[in-house]
Amino acid sequence: MAVTTQHSKLLILWTTGDKDVALNMVLMYAINSKLKGWWDEVVLLVWGSSSRLASQDKEVQSQIASTLKAGVRMIACKQCAENLHVAEALGRLGIEVFYTGQFLTDWLKSGERILSM
């Protein structure tokens, strides 16, 4: 049964460097959210230790490619990525890397949905 709501956008805030969480929740839910039409717009924000995991793990990178192919917008916190020396690696994966503090603040103030891992 589909639930109708005025909110059609979801931001997934991915902060954990745990590979199991990345593969079995964050990326899987993001992909299915787009492919099954659960949300009109899905944005996945890579923040903190998830930046390192995304930049180094080949299996996670494969799922990132699938996530992007499904139509999920992936962005990363530039400051976190710079602190961890992975900004260029994330960009090569197709992730938009920019300072995301204002983006996150605006999203929170908008009343749209956010899911944090």
PDB file of N, CA and C in Angstrom:
ATOM      1  N   MET A   1       0.845  -1.182   0.000  1.00  0.00           N
ATOM      2  CA  MET A   1       0.000   0.000   0.000  1.00  0.00           C
ATOM      3  C   MET A   1       0.886   1.239   0.000  1.00  0.00           C
ATOM      4  N   ALA A   2       0.689   2.095  -0.955  1.00  0.00           N
ATOM      5  CA  ALA A   2       1.481   3.326  -1.065  1.00  0.00           C
ATOM      6  C   ALA A   2       0.952   4.371  -0.090  1.00  0.00           C
ATOM      7  N   VAL A   3       1.850   5.079   0.508  1.00  0.00           N
ATOM      8  CA  VAL A   3       1.500   6.148   1.429  1.00  0.00           C
ATOM      9  C   VAL A   3       1.673   7.467   0.697  1.00  0.00           C
ATOM     10  N   THR A   4       0.646   8.291   0.702  1.00  0.00           N
ATOM     11  CA  THR A   4       0.724   9.592   0.066  1.00  0.00           C
ATOM     12  C   THR A   4       1.158  10.623   1.093  1.00  0.00           C
ATOM     13  N   THR A   5       2.112  11.435   0.710  1.00  0.00           N
ATOM     14  CA  THR A   5       2.612  12.466   1.606  1.00  0.00           C
ATOM     15  C   THR A   5       2.993  13.691   0.797  1.00  0.00           C
ATOM     16  N   GLN A   6       2.985  14.843   1.418  1.00  0.00           N
ATOM     17  CA  GLN A   6       3.383  16.065   0.721  1.00  0.00           C
ATOM     18  C   GLN A   6       4.886  16.110   0.511  1.00  0.00           C
ATOM     19  N   HIS A   7       5.623  15.372   1.318  1.00  0.00           N
ATOM     20  CA  HIS A   7       7.077  15.355   1.219  1.00  0.00           C
ATOM     21  C   HIS A   7       7.496  14.263   0.240  1.00  0.00           C
ATOM     22  N   SER A   8       8.184  14.646  -0.820  1.00  0.00           N
ATOM     23  CA  SER A   8       8.577  13.674  -1.829  1.00  0.00           C
ATOM     24  C   SER A   8      10.087  13.599  -2.002  1.00  0.00           C
ATOM     25  N   LYS A   9      10.807  14.273  -1.100  1.00  0.00           N
ATOM     26  CA  LYS A   9      12.263  14.281  -1.184  1.00  0.00           C
ATOM     27  C   LYS A   9      12.841  13.673   0.085  1.00  0.00           C
ATOM     28  N   LEU A  10      13.952  12.924  -0.093  1.00  0.00           N
ATOM     29  CA  LEU A  10      14.626  12.302   1.030  1.00  0.00           C
ATOM     30  C   LEU A  10      16.117  12.589   0.945  1.00  0.00           C
ATOM     31  N   LEU A  11      16.682  13.005   2.054  1.00  0.00           N
ATOM     32  CA  LEU A  11      18.126  13.135   2.195  1.00  0.00           C
ATOM     33  C   LEU A  11      18.594  12.020   3.117  1.00  0.00           C
ATOM     34  N   ILE A  12      19.532  11.219   2.623  1.00  0.00           N
ATOM     35  CA  ILE A  12      20.154  10.192   3.451  1.00  0.00           C
ATOM     36  C   ILE A  12      21.512  10.729   3.867  1.00  0.00           C
ATOM     37  N   LEU A  13      21.699  10.926   5.158  1.00  0.00           N
ATOM     38  CA  LEU A  13      22.948  11.423   5.707  1.00  0.00           C
ATOM     39  C   LEU A  13      23.763  10.221   6.157  1.00  0.00           C
ATOM     40  N   TRP A  14      24.817   9.903   5.386  1.00  0.00           N
ATOM     41  CA  TRP A  14      25.636   8.714   5.608  1.00  0.00           C
ATOM     42  C   TRP A  14      26.926   9.133   6.293  1.00  0.00           C
ATOM     43  N   THR A  15      27.062   8.796   7.571  1.00  0.00           N
ATOM     44  CA  THR A  15      28.231   9.227   8.341  1.00  0.00           C
ATOM     45  C   THR A  15      29.091   8.076   8.838  1.00  0.00           C
ATOM     46  N   THR A  16      28.597   6.869   8.787  1.00  0.00           N
ATOM     47  CA  THR A  16      29.336   5.746   9.352  1.00  0.00           C
ATOM     48  C   THR A  16      30.309   5.138   8.339  1.00  0.00           C
ATOM     49  N   GLY A  17      31.442   4.698   8.842  1.00  0.00           N
ATOM     50  CA  GLY A  17      32.407   4.003   8.016  1.00  0.00           C
ATOM     51  C   GLY A  17      32.214   2.493   8.037  1.00  0.00           C
ATOM     52  N   ASP A  18      31.104   2.039   8.575  1.00  0.00           N
ATOM     53  CA  ASP A  18      30.815   0.612   8.677  1.00  0.00           C
ATOM     54  C   ASP A  18      30.358   0.085   7.315  1.00  0.00           C
ATOM     55  N   LYS A  19      31.105  -0.857   6.768  1.00  0.00           N
ATOM     56  CA  LYS A  19      30.809  -1.402   5.437  1.00  0.00           C
ATOM     57  C   LYS A  19      29.468  -2.125   5.401  1.00  0.00           C
ATOM     58  N   ASP A  20      29.143  -2.889   6.429  1.00  0.00           N
ATOM     59  CA  ASP A  20      27.869  -3.611   6.449  1.00  0.00           C
ATOM     60  C   ASP A  20      26.693  -2.649   6.388  1.00  0.00           C
ATOM     61  N   VAL A  21      26.774  -1.558   7.125  1.00  0.00           N
ATOM     62  CA  VAL A  21      25.708  -0.552   7.099  1.00  0.00           C
ATOM     63  C   VAL A  21      25.628   0.081   5.706  1.00  0.00           C
ATOM     64  N   ALA A  22      26.787   0.356   5.116  1.00  0.00           N
ATOM     65  CA  ALA A  22      26.813   0.963   3.782  1.00  0.00           C
ATOM     66  C   ALA A  22      26.124   0.075   2.754  1.00  0.00           C
ATOM     67  N   LEU A  23      26.486  -1.212   2.735  1.00  0.00           N
ATOM     68  CA  LEU A  23      25.966  -2.121   1.717  1.00  0.00           C
ATOM     69  C   LEU A  23      24.554  -2.609   2.001  1.00  0.00           C
ATOM     70  N   ASN A  24      24.240  -2.834   3.275  1.00  0.00           N
ATOM     71  CA  ASN A  24      22.973  -3.484   3.611  1.00  0.00           C
ATOM     72  C   ASN A  24      21.894  -2.543   4.112  1.00  0.00           C
ATOM     73  N   MET A  25      22.184  -1.242   4.111  1.00  0.00           N
ATOM     74  CA  MET A  25      21.154  -0.280   4.453  1.00  0.00           C
ATOM     75  C   MET A  25      21.258   0.949   3.565  1.00  0.00           C
ATOM     76  N   VAL A  26      22.325   1.741   3.731  1.00  0.00           N
ATOM     77  CA  VAL A  26      22.424   3.049   3.089  1.00  0.00           C
ATOM     78  C   VAL A  26      22.273   2.951   1.565  1.00  0.00           C
ATOM     79  N   LEU A  27      23.164   2.238   0.925  1.00  0.00           N
ATOM     80  CA  LEU A  27      23.156   2.185  -0.541  1.00  0.00           C
ATOM     81  C   LEU A  27      21.980   1.372  -1.060  1.00  0.00           C
ATOM     82  N   MET A  28      21.651   0.269  -0.396  1.00  0.00           N
ATOM     83  CA  MET A  28      20.519  -0.558  -0.820  1.00  0.00           C
ATOM     84  C   MET A  28      19.213   0.231  -0.752  1.00  0.00           C
ATOM     85  N   TYR A  29      18.999   0.957   0.338  1.00  0.00           N
ATOM     86  CA  TYR A  29      17.765   1.734   0.462  1.00  0.00           C
ATOM     87  C   TYR A  29      17.735   2.880  -0.545  1.00  0.00           C
ATOM     88  N   ALA A  30      18.864   3.539  -0.757  1.00  0.00           N
ATOM     89  CA  ALA A  30      18.915   4.644  -1.721  1.00  0.00           C
ATOM     90  C   ALA A  30      18.552   4.158  -3.121  1.00  0.00           C
ATOM     91  N   ILE A  31      19.144   3.050  -3.539  1.00  0.00           N
ATOM     92  CA  ILE A  31      18.866   2.496  -4.872  1.00  0.00           C
ATOM     93  C   ILE A  31      17.392   2.137  -4.998  1.00  0.00           C
ATOM     94  N   ASN A  32      16.883   1.368  -4.043  1.00  0.00           N
ATOM     95  CA  ASN A  32      15.490   0.924  -4.123  1.00  0.00           C
ATOM     96  C   ASN A  32      14.500   2.076  -4.018  1.00  0.00           C
ATOM     97  N   SER A  33      14.857   3.101  -3.266  1.00  0.00           N
ATOM     98  CA  SER A  33      13.979   4.273  -3.148  1.00  0.00           C
ATOM     99  C   SER A  33      13.719   4.919  -4.504  1.00  0.00           C
ATOM    100  N   LYS A  34      14.763   4.970  -5.331  1.00  0.00           N
ATOM    101  CA  LYS A  34      14.604   5.558  -6.670  1.00  0.00           C
ATOM    102  C   LYS A  34      13.955   4.567  -7.631  1.00  0.00           C
ATOM    103  N   LEU A  35      14.466   3.348  -7.684  1.00  0.00           N
ATOM    104  CA  LEU A  35      13.972   2.377  -8.656  1.00  0.00           C
ATOM    105  C   LEU A  35      12.508   2.001  -8.417  1.00  0.00           C
ATOM    106  N   LYS A  36      12.086   1.985  -7.170  1.00  0.00           N
ATOM    107  CA  LYS A  36      10.707   1.611  -6.840  1.00  0.00           C
ATOM    108  C   LYS A  36       9.790   2.820  -6.681  1.00  0.00           C
ATOM    109  N   GLY A  37      10.357   4.032  -6.832  1.00  0.00           N
ATOM    110  CA  GLY A  37       9.535   5.238  -6.780  1.00  0.00           C
ATOM    111  C   GLY A  37       9.032   5.593  -5.399  1.00  0.00           C
ATOM    112  N   TRP A  38       9.725   5.157  -4.356  1.00  0.00           N
ATOM    113  CA  TRP A  38       9.288   5.480  -3.002  1.00  0.00           C
ATOM    114  C   TRP A  38       9.410   6.966  -2.718  1.00  0.00           C
ATOM    115  N   TRP A  39      10.398   7.613  -3.335  1.00  0.00           N
ATOM    116  CA  TRP A  39      10.635   9.048  -3.199  1.00  0.00           C
ATOM    117  C   TRP A  39      10.881   9.610  -4.592  1.00  0.00           C
ATOM    118  N   ASP A  40      10.411  10.812  -4.843  1.00  0.00           N
ATOM    119  CA  ASP A  40      10.678  11.455  -6.127  1.00  0.00           C
ATOM    120  C   ASP A  40      12.147  11.842  -6.255  1.00  0.00           C
ATOM    121  N   GLU A  41      12.713  12.350  -5.192  1.00  0.00           N
ATOM    122  CA  GLU A  41      14.108  12.776  -5.188  1.00  0.00           C
ATOM    123  C   GLU A  41      14.815  12.164  -3.997  1.00  0.00           C
ATOM    124  N   VAL A  42      15.973  11.565  -4.264  1.00  0.00           N
ATOM    125  CA  VAL A  42      16.796  10.999  -3.195  1.00  0.00           C
ATOM    126  C   VAL A  42      18.195  11.585  -3.338  1.00  0.00           C
ATOM    127  N   VAL A  43      18.694  12.153  -2.244  1.00  0.00           N
ATOM    128  CA  VAL A  43      20.047  12.690  -2.186  1.00  0.00           C
ATOM    129  C   VAL A  43      20.777  11.945  -1.079  1.00  0.00           C
ATOM    130  N   LEU A  44      21.967  11.453  -1.402  1.00  0.00           N
ATOM    131  CA  LEU A  44      22.779  10.757  -0.419  1.00  0.00           C
ATOM    132  C   LEU A  44      23.993  11.629  -0.115  1.00  0.00           C
ATOM    133  N   LEU A  45      24.097  12.066   1.124  1.00  0.00           N
ATOM    134  CA  LEU A  45      25.183  12.945   1.565  1.00  0.00           C
ATOM    135  C   LEU A  45      26.242  12.123   2.297  1.00  0.00           C
ATOM    136  N   VAL A  46      27.421  12.053   1.702  1.00  0.00           N
ATOM    137  CA  VAL A  46      28.562  11.342   2.278  1.00  0.00           C
ATOM    138  C   VAL A  46      29.275  12.319   3.204  1.00  0.00           C
ATOM    139  N   TRP A  47      29.339  11.957   4.477  1.00  0.00           N
ATOM    140  CA  TRP A  47      29.861  12.890   5.473  1.00  0.00           C
ATOM    141  C   TRP A  47      30.684  12.092   6.486  1.00  0.00           C
ATOM    142  N   GLY A  48      31.828  12.580   6.849  1.00  0.00           N
ATOM    143  CA  GLY A  48      32.629  11.935   7.882  1.00  0.00           C
ATOM    144  C   GLY A  48      33.309  10.665   7.399  1.00  0.00           C
ATOM    145  N   SER A  49      33.313   9.642   8.258  1.00  0.00           N
ATOM    146  CA  SER A  49      34.085   8.434   7.969  1.00  0.00           C
ATOM    147  C   SER A  49      33.558   7.641   6.778  1.00  0.00           C
ATOM    148  N   SER A  50      32.335   7.880   6.358  1.00  0.00           N
ATOM    149  CA  SER A  50      31.837   7.221   5.149  1.00  0.00           C
ATOM    150  C   SER A  50      32.647   7.661   3.928  1.00  0.00           C
ATOM    151  N   SER A  51      33.233   8.854   3.987  1.00  0.00           N
ATOM    152  CA  SER A  51      34.069   9.350   2.889  1.00  0.00           C
ATOM    153  C   SER A  51      35.267   8.436   2.657  1.00  0.00           C
ATOM    154  N   ARG A  52      35.909   8.047   3.724  1.00  0.00           N
ATOM    155  CA  ARG A  52      37.074   7.164   3.613  1.00  0.00           C
ATOM    156  C   ARG A  52      36.665   5.806   3.061  1.00  0.00           C
ATOM    157  N   LEU A  53      35.591   5.231   3.601  1.00  0.00           N
ATOM    158  CA  LEU A  53      35.109   3.937   3.125  1.00  0.00           C
ATOM    159  C   LEU A  53      34.785   3.999   1.635  1.00  0.00           C
ATOM    160  N   ALA A  54      34.068   5.020   1.224  1.00  0.00           N
ATOM    161  CA  ALA A  54      33.688   5.160  -0.187  1.00  0.00           C
ATOM    162  C   ALA A  54      34.900   5.288  -1.097  1.00  0.00           C
ATOM    163  N   SER A  55      35.925   5.939  -0.623  1.00  0.00           N
ATOM    164  CA  SER A  55      37.097   6.179  -1.459  1.00  0.00           C
ATOM    165  C   SER A  55      38.027   4.974  -1.551  1.00  0.00           C
ATOM    166  N   GLN A  56      37.896   4.015  -0.635  1.00  0.00           N
ATOM    167  CA  GLN A  56      38.872   2.928  -0.561  1.00  0.00           C
ATOM    168  C   GLN A  56      38.333   1.541  -0.865  1.00  0.00           C
ATOM    169  N   ASP A  57      37.050   1.296  -0.681  1.00  0.00           N
ATOM    170  CA  ASP A  57      36.519  -0.060  -0.790  1.00  0.00           C
ATOM    171  C   ASP A  57      35.884  -0.303  -2.160  1.00  0.00           C
ATOM    172  N   LYS A  58      36.383  -1.279  -2.897  1.00  0.00           N
ATOM    173  CA  LYS A  58      35.913  -1.557  -4.260  1.00  0.00           C
ATOM    174  C   LYS A  58      34.461  -2.027  -4.295  1.00  0.00           C
ATOM    175  N   GLU A  59      34.045  -2.822  -3.338  1.00  0.00           N
ATOM    176  CA  GLU A  59      32.658  -3.293  -3.317  1.00  0.00           C
ATOM    177  C   GLU A  59      31.695  -2.126  -3.064  1.00  0.00           C
ATOM    178  N   VAL A  60      32.064  -1.261  -2.153  1.00  0.00           N
ATOM    179  CA  VAL A  60      31.253  -0.073  -1.879  1.00  0.00           C
ATOM    180  C   VAL A  60      31.234   0.824  -3.117  1.00  0.00           C
ATOM    181  N   GLN A  61      32.358   0.969  -3.783  1.00  0.00           N
ATOM    182  CA  GLN A  61      32.423   1.786  -5.003  1.00  0.00           C
ATOM    183  C   GLN A  61      31.527   1.232  -6.098  1.00  0.00           C
ATOM    184  N   SER A  62      31.452  -0.083  -6.206  1.00  0.00           N
ATOM    185  CA  SER A  62      30.553  -0.700  -7.180  1.00  0.00           C
ATOM    186  C   SER A  62      29.096  -0.343  -6.884  1.00  0.00           C
ATOM    187  N   GLN A  63      28.732  -0.361  -5.604  1.00  0.00           N
ATOM    188  CA  GLN A  63      27.365  -0.001  -5.218  1.00  0.00           C
ATOM    189  C   GLN A  63      27.107   1.497  -5.378  1.00  0.00           C
ATOM    190  N   ILE A  64      28.134   2.313  -5.204  1.00  0.00           N
ATOM    191  CA  ILE A  64      27.992   3.748  -5.463  1.00  0.00           C
ATOM    192  C   ILE A  64      27.671   3.974  -6.934  1.00  0.00           C
ATOM    193  N   ALA A  65      28.354   3.258  -7.813  1.00  0.00           N
ATOM    194  CA  ALA A  65      28.070   3.372  -9.250  1.00  0.00           C
ATOM    195  C   ALA A  65      26.633   2.979  -9.545  1.00  0.00           C
ATOM    196  N   SER A  66      26.145   1.922  -8.926  1.00  0.00           N
ATOM    197  CA  SER A  66      24.749   1.501  -9.111  1.00  0.00           C
ATOM    198  C   SER A  66      23.778   2.532  -8.560  1.00  0.00           C
ATOM    199  N   THR A  67      24.146   3.143  -7.453  1.00  0.00           N
ATOM    200  CA  THR A  67      23.309   4.168  -6.826  1.00  0.00           C
ATOM    201  C   THR A  67      23.172   5.374  -7.757  1.00  0.00           C
ATOM    202  N   LEU A  68      24.279   5.809  -8.309  1.00  0.00           N
ATOM    203  CA  LEU A  68      24.251   6.933  -9.257  1.00  0.00           C
ATOM    204  C   LEU A  68      23.461   6.573 -10.501  1.00  0.00           C
ATOM    205  N   LYS A  69      23.651   5.362 -11.000  1.00  0.00           N
ATOM    206  CA  LYS A  69      22.928   4.905 -12.204  1.00  0.00           C
ATOM    207  C   LYS A  69      21.416   4.878 -11.965  1.00  0.00           C
ATOM    208  N   ALA A  70      21.012   4.576 -10.734  1.00  0.00           N
ATOM    209  CA  ALA A  70      19.585   4.535 -10.385  1.00  0.00           C
ATOM    210  C   ALA A  70      18.962   5.929 -10.342  1.00  0.00           C
ATOM    211  N   GLY A  71      19.810   6.977 -10.331  1.00  0.00           N
ATOM    212  CA  GLY A  71      19.291   8.338 -10.315  1.00  0.00           C
ATOM    213  C   GLY A  71      19.377   9.042  -8.978  1.00  0.00           C
ATOM    214  N   VAL A  72      20.084   8.452  -8.042  1.00  0.00           N
ATOM    215  CA  VAL A  72      20.294   9.091  -6.742  1.00  0.00           C
ATOM    216  C   VAL A  72      21.400  10.135  -6.905  1.00  0.00           C
ATOM    217  N   ARG A  73      21.165  11.315  -6.410  1.00  0.00           N
ATOM    218  CA  ARG A  73      22.200  12.346  -6.393  1.00  0.00           C
ATOM    219  C   ARG A  73      23.098  12.085  -5.194  1.00  0.00           C
ATOM    220  N   MET A  74      24.397  11.963  -5.429  1.00  0.00           N
ATOM    221  CA  MET A  74      25.339  11.746  -4.340  1.00  0.00           C
ATOM    222  C   MET A  74      26.229  12.964  -4.207  1.00  0.00           C
ATOM    223  N   ILE A  75      26.299  13.468  -2.969  1.00  0.00           N
ATOM    224  CA  ILE A  75      27.125  14.627  -2.667  1.00  0.00           C
ATOM    225  C   ILE A  75      28.001  14.283  -1.470  1.00  0.00           C
ATOM    226  N   ALA A  76      29.098  15.009  -1.311  1.00  0.00           N
ATOM    227  CA  ALA A  76      29.985  14.758  -0.180  1.00  0.00           C
ATOM    228  C   ALA A  76      30.437  16.073   0.419  1.00  0.00           C
ATOM    229  N   CYS A  77      30.624  16.054   1.718  1.00  0.00           N
ATOM    230  CA  CYS A  77      31.142  17.202   2.444  1.00  0.00           C
ATOM    231  C   CYS A  77      32.608  17.408   2.074  1.00  0.00           C
ATOM    232  N   LYS A  78      32.893  18.540   1.455  1.00  0.00           N
ATOM    233  CA  LYS A  78      34.252  18.823   1.012  1.00  0.00           C
ATOM    234  C   LYS A  78      35.222  18.940   2.185  1.00  0.00           C
ATOM    235  N   GLN A  79      34.787  19.563   3.262  1.00  0.00           N
ATOM    236  CA  GLN A  79      35.685  19.719   4.412  1.00  0.00           C
ATOM    237  C   GLN A  79      36.071  18.364   4.981  1.00  0.00           C
ATOM    238  N   CYS A  80      35.099  17.465   5.156  1.00  0.00           N
ATOM    239  CA  CYS A  80      35.406  16.122   5.654  1.00  0.00           C
ATOM    240  C   CYS A  80      36.336  15.401   4.691  1.00  0.00           C
ATOM    241  N   ALA A  81      36.031  15.489   3.403  1.00  0.00           N
ATOM    242  CA  ALA A  81      36.835  14.810   2.392  1.00  0.00           C
ATOM    243  C   ALA A  81      38.257  15.355   2.355  1.00  0.00           C
ATOM    244  N   GLU A  82      38.390  16.662   2.515  1.00  0.00           N
ATOM    245  CA  GLU A  82      39.730  17.252   2.560  1.00  0.00           C
ATOM    246  C   GLU A  82      40.479  16.815   3.821  1.00  0.00           C
ATOM    247  N   ASN A  83      39.786  16.801   4.945  1.00  0.00           N
ATOM    248  CA  ASN A  83      40.414  16.375   6.196  1.00  0.00           C
ATOM    249  C   ASN A  83      40.935  14.944   6.103  1.00  0.00           C
ATOM    250  N   LEU A  84      40.227  14.101   5.359  1.00  0.00           N
ATOM    251  CA  LEU A  84      40.596  12.689   5.227  1.00  0.00           C
ATOM    252  C   LEU A  84      41.417  12.420   3.959  1.00  0.00           C
ATOM    253  N   HIS A  85      41.698  13.487   3.198  1.00  0.00           N
ATOM    254  CA  HIS A  85      42.507  13.387   1.975  1.00  0.00           C
ATOM    255  C   HIS A  85      41.874  12.473   0.921  1.00  0.00           C
ATOM    256  N   VAL A  86      40.545  12.584   0.751  1.00  0.00           N
ATOM    257  CA  VAL A  86      39.847  11.721  -0.205  1.00  0.00           C
ATOM    258  C   VAL A  86      38.960  12.507  -1.173  1.00  0.00           C
ATOM    259  N   ALA A  87      39.057  13.825  -1.198  1.00  0.00           N
ATOM    260  CA  ALA A  87      38.166  14.640  -2.035  1.00  0.00           C
ATOM    261  C   ALA A  87      38.274  14.269  -3.515  1.00  0.00           C
ATOM    262  N   GLU A  88      39.491  14.144  -4.012  1.00  0.00           N
ATOM    263  CA  GLU A  88      39.670  13.811  -5.427  1.00  0.00           C
ATOM    264  C   GLU A  88      39.130  12.427  -5.743  1.00  0.00           C
ATOM    265  N   ALA A  89      39.367  11.469  -4.862  1.00  0.00           N
ATOM    266  CA  ALA A  89      38.875  10.101  -5.072  1.00  0.00           C
ATOM    267  C   ALA A  89      37.349  10.072  -5.150  1.00  0.00           C
ATOM    268  N   LEU A  90      36.689  10.832  -4.288  1.00  0.00           N
ATOM    269  CA  LEU A  90      35.220  10.880  -4.319  1.00  0.00           C
ATOM    270  C   LEU A  90      34.730  11.509  -5.611  1.00  0.00           C
ATOM    271  N   GLY A  91      35.380  12.563  -6.046  1.00  0.00           N
ATOM    272  CA  GLY A  91      35.013  13.200  -7.306  1.00  0.00           C
ATOM    273  C   GLY A  91      35.135  12.246  -8.483  1.00  0.00           C
ATOM    274  N   ARG A  92      36.184  11.421  -8.489  1.00  0.00           N
ATOM    275  CA  ARG A  92      36.369  10.444  -9.575  1.00  0.00           C
ATOM    276  C   ARG A  92      35.264   9.400  -9.595  1.00  0.00           C
ATOM    277  N   LEU A  93      34.621   9.171  -8.460  1.00  0.00           N
ATOM    278  CA  LEU A  93      33.509   8.216  -8.385  1.00  0.00           C
ATOM    279  C   LEU A  93      32.203   8.810  -8.915  1.00  0.00           C
ATOM    280  N   GLY A  94      32.200  10.106  -9.199  1.00  0.00           N
ATOM    281  CA  GLY A  94      30.987  10.762  -9.679  1.00  0.00           C
ATOM    282  C   GLY A  94      30.192  11.450  -8.589  1.00  0.00           C
ATOM    283  N   ILE A  95      30.767  11.534  -7.410  1.00  0.00           N
ATOM    284  CA  ILE A  95      30.120  12.199  -6.283  1.00  0.00           C
ATOM    285  C   ILE A  95      30.453  13.690  -6.347  1.00  0.00           C
ATOM    286  N   GLU A  96      29.432  14.530  -6.181  1.00  0.00           N
ATOM    287  CA  GLU A  96      29.641  15.984  -6.137  1.00  0.00           C
ATOM    288  C   GLU A  96      30.263  16.330  -4.787  1.00  0.00           C
ATOM    289  N   VAL A  97      31.415  16.983  -4.799  1.00  0.00           N
ATOM    290  CA  VAL A  97      32.112  17.326  -3.560  1.00  0.00           C
ATOM    291  C   VAL A  97      32.083  18.850  -3.398  1.00  0.00           C
ATOM    292  N   PHE A  98      31.431  19.313  -2.337  1.00  0.00           N
ATOM    293  CA  PHE A  98      31.376  20.740  -2.038  1.00  0.00           C
ATOM    294  C   PHE A  98      31.102  20.923  -0.548  1.00  0.00           C
ATOM    295  N   TYR A  99      31.268  22.144  -0.069  1.00  0.00           N
ATOM    296  CA  TYR A  99      30.997  22.432   1.339  1.00  0.00           C
ATOM    297  C   TYR A  99      29.486  22.324   1.555  1.00  0.00           C
ATOM    298  N   THR A 100      29.063  21.366   2.354  1.00  0.00           N
ATOM    299  CA  THR A 100      27.649  21.001   2.434  1.00  0.00           C
ATOM    300  C   THR A 100      26.932  21.488   3.691  1.00  0.00           C
ATOM    301  N   GLY A 101      27.605  22.254   4.533  1.00  0.00           N
ATOM    302  CA  GLY A 101      26.952  22.729   5.755  1.00  0.00           C
ATOM    303  C   GLY A 101      25.687  23.518   5.481  1.00  0.00           C
ATOM    304  N   GLN A 102      25.742  24.445   4.544  1.00  0.00           N
ATOM    305  CA  GLN A 102      24.558  25.243   4.211  1.00  0.00           C
ATOM    306  C   GLN A 102      23.479  24.377   3.556  1.00  0.00           C
ATOM    307  N   PHE A 103      23.902  23.450   2.686  1.00  0.00           N
ATOM    308  CA  PHE A 103      22.956  22.541   2.037  1.00  0.00           C
ATOM    309  C   PHE A 103      22.176  21.761   3.088  1.00  0.00           C
ATOM    310  N   LEU A 104      22.900  21.183   4.060  1.00  0.00           N
ATOM    311  CA  LEU A 104      22.252  20.405   5.110  1.00  0.00           C
ATOM    312  C   LEU A 104      21.333  21.285   5.956  1.00  0.00           C
ATOM    313  N   THR A 105      21.782  22.465   6.292  1.00  0.00           N
ATOM    314  CA  THR A 105      20.963  23.383   7.086  1.00  0.00           C
ATOM    315  C   THR A 105      19.680  23.745   6.347  1.00  0.00           C
ATOM    316  N   ASP A 106      19.801  24.072   5.065  1.00  0.00           N
ATOM    317  CA  ASP A 106      18.618  24.418   4.274  1.00  0.00           C
ATOM    318  C   ASP A 106      17.647  23.237   4.197  1.00  0.00           C
ATOM    319  N   TRP A 107      18.186  22.030   4.032  1.00  0.00           N
ATOM    320  CA  TRP A 107      17.332  20.842   3.955  1.00  0.00           C
ATOM    321  C   TRP A 107      16.572  20.657   5.268  1.00  0.00           C
ATOM    322  N   LEU A 108      17.281  20.765   6.377  1.00  0.00           N
ATOM    323  CA  LEU A 108      16.643  20.604   7.680  1.00  0.00           C
ATOM    324  C   LEU A 108      15.541  21.631   7.895  1.00  0.00           C
ATOM    325  N   LYS A 109      15.795  22.864   7.492  1.00  0.00           N
ATOM    326  CA  LYS A 109      14.804  23.928   7.665  1.00  0.00           C
ATOM    327  C   LYS A 109      13.620  23.779   6.720  1.00  0.00           C
ATOM    328  N   SER A 110      13.793  23.061   5.629  1.00  0.00           N
ATOM    329  CA  SER A 110      12.725  22.914   4.631  1.00  0.00           C
ATOM    330  C   SER A 110      11.593  22.012   5.095  1.00  0.00           C
ATOM    331  N   GLY A 111      11.859  21.166   6.065  1.00  0.00           N
ATOM    332  CA  GLY A 111      10.840  20.229   6.514  1.00  0.00           C
ATOM    333  C   GLY A 111      10.823  18.939   5.719  1.00  0.00           C
ATOM    334  N   GLU A 112      11.669  18.805   4.721  1.00  0.00           N
ATOM    335  CA  GLU A 112      11.761  17.548   3.973  1.00  0.00           C
ATOM    336  C   GLU A 112      12.374  16.482   4.863  1.00  0.00           C
ATOM    337  N   ARG A 113      12.241  15.257   4.442  1.00  0.00           N
ATOM    338  CA  ARG A 113      12.673  14.102   5.244  1.00  0.00           C
ATOM    339  C   ARG A 113      14.190  13.909   5.207  1.00  0.00           C
ATOM    340  N   ILE A 114      14.701  13.418   6.339  1.00  0.00           N
ATOM    341  CA  ILE A 114      16.129  13.085   6.428  1.00  0.00           C
ATOM    342  C   ILE A 114      16.252  11.761   7.188  1.00  0.00           C
ATOM    343  N   LEU A 115      17.129  10.916   6.686  1.00  0.00           N
ATOM    344  CA  LEU A 115      17.434   9.642   7.312  1.00  0.00           C
ATOM    345  C   LEU A 115      18.926   9.631   7.569  1.00  0.00           C
ATOM    346  N   SER A 116      19.327   9.382   8.806  1.00  0.00           N
ATOM    347  CA  SER A 116      20.739   9.486   9.166  1.00  0.00           C
ATOM    348  C   SER A 116      21.286   8.143   9.607  1.00  0.00           C
ATOM    349  N   MET A 117      22.420   7.773   9.039  1.00  0.00           N
ATOM    350  CA  MET A 117      23.121   6.535   9.405  1.00  0.00           C
ATOM    351  C   MET A 117      24.512   6.879   9.855  1.00  0.00           C
TER     352      MET A 117
END
